[in-house]
Protein backbone atom coordinates (compact mmCIF):
# COMPACT_ATOMS: atom_id res chain seq x y z
CA UNK A 1 97.62 62.45 94.50
CA UNK A 2 99.60 65.52 95.42
CA UNK A 3 99.22 67.38 98.70
CA UNK A 4 100.13 71.04 98.42
CA UNK A 5 101.06 72.84 101.63
CA UNK A 6 101.44 76.61 101.58
CA UNK A 7 102.64 78.51 104.64
CA UNK A 8 101.40 82.09 104.89
CA UNK A 9 102.29 84.67 107.52
CA UNK A 10 99.43 87.14 107.86
CA UNK A 11 99.76 90.53 109.57
CA UNK A 12 97.78 90.79 112.82
CA UNK A 13 95.35 93.39 111.53
CA UNK A 14 94.44 91.22 108.51
CA UNK A 15 93.98 87.76 110.07
CA UNK A 16 90.18 88.10 110.20
CA UNK A 17 90.10 89.45 106.63
CA UNK A 18 92.26 86.56 105.42
CA UNK A 19 90.09 83.92 107.08
CA UNK A 20 86.93 85.56 105.72
CA UNK A 21 88.38 85.63 102.20
CA UNK A 22 89.32 81.95 102.43
CA UNK A 23 85.84 81.02 103.67
CA UNK A 24 84.18 83.03 100.89
CA UNK A 25 86.31 81.31 98.21
CA UNK A 26 86.53 77.81 99.68
CA UNK A 27 83.78 76.30 97.49
CA UNK A 28 85.22 77.85 94.33
CA UNK A 29 88.72 76.56 95.08
CA UNK A 30 87.61 73.08 96.09
CA UNK A 31 85.50 72.75 92.94
CA UNK A 32 88.36 73.80 90.65
CA UNK A 33 89.13 70.97 88.19
CA UNK A 34 91.65 68.58 89.74
CA UNK A 35 91.22 69.81 93.33
CA UNK A 36 90.01 67.10 95.67
CA UNK A 37 90.09 69.09 98.92
CA UNK A 38 91.34 72.36 100.39
CA UNK A 39 91.46 73.48 103.99
CA UNK A 40 92.97 76.23 106.09
CA UNK A 41 94.69 75.65 109.43
CA UNK A 42 96.74 77.90 111.68
CA UNK A 43 99.57 77.46 114.16
CA UNK A 44 98.23 77.37 117.72
CA UNK A 45 101.39 79.00 119.10
CA UNK A 46 101.44 81.72 116.41
CA UNK A 47 97.94 82.40 115.03
CA UNK A 48 99.39 84.66 112.32
CA UNK A 49 100.88 81.60 110.60
CA UNK A 50 98.37 79.85 108.37
CA UNK A 51 98.69 76.83 106.13
CA UNK A 52 96.52 75.95 103.18
CA UNK A 53 96.51 72.21 102.65
CA UNK A 54 95.07 71.05 99.37
CA UNK A 55 94.91 67.74 97.55
CA UNK A 56 95.23 67.66 93.76
CA UNK A 57 95.10 64.89 91.20
CA UNK A 58 98.16 66.16 89.29
CA UNK A 59 100.86 68.81 89.13
CA UNK A 60 99.19 70.07 85.95
CA UNK A 61 95.99 70.75 87.92
CA UNK A 62 97.96 72.80 90.44
CA UNK A 63 99.60 74.79 87.66
CA UNK A 64 96.25 75.38 85.94
CA UNK A 65 94.86 76.71 89.22
CA UNK A 66 97.88 78.96 89.76
CA UNK A 67 97.36 80.43 86.25
CA UNK A 68 93.59 80.85 86.71
CA UNK A 69 91.69 84.08 87.18
CA UNK A 70 90.35 82.63 90.44
CA UNK A 71 93.84 82.28 91.92
CA UNK A 72 95.01 85.64 90.56
CA UNK A 73 92.02 87.41 92.11
CA UNK A 74 92.45 85.80 95.51
CA UNK A 75 96.23 86.25 95.51
CA UNK A 76 96.01 89.95 94.61
CA UNK A 77 93.62 90.46 97.52
CA UNK A 78 95.60 88.60 100.19
CA UNK A 79 99.19 89.32 99.12
CA UNK A 80 99.29 92.80 100.75
CA UNK A 81 98.30 91.16 104.05
CA UNK A 82 101.44 88.99 104.26
CA UNK A 83 103.98 89.68 106.98
CA UNK A 84 106.39 86.99 105.74
CA UNK A 85 107.35 85.46 102.43
CA UNK A 86 105.05 82.53 101.57
CA UNK A 87 106.55 79.04 101.42
CA UNK A 88 105.10 76.13 99.48
CA UNK A 89 105.67 72.39 99.19
CA UNK A 90 104.16 69.82 96.86
CA UNK A 91 104.22 66.43 98.53
CA UNK A 92 103.28 62.86 97.65
CA UNK A 93 102.86 59.67 99.64
CA UNK A 94 104.87 56.58 98.82
């Protein structure tokens, strides 16, 4: 299993929009082939900083999602709302 962590800085005026977009797309993302779970959390000391934490069965599943129309549609919506460059990590337990 791979845990993917993506850090996203969202501009103040778009935090509610971002959270709404995530909620509206949560079921579609979590049912994407190879995705076991996806959730959204935010930093308590800086509520503009959000993290998506998702669990995938393979790196290929992550790449398929990143190339999908689903991802492209969501990304094109939320990208203008960023106030910082996104950061991402793919992690595994040992």
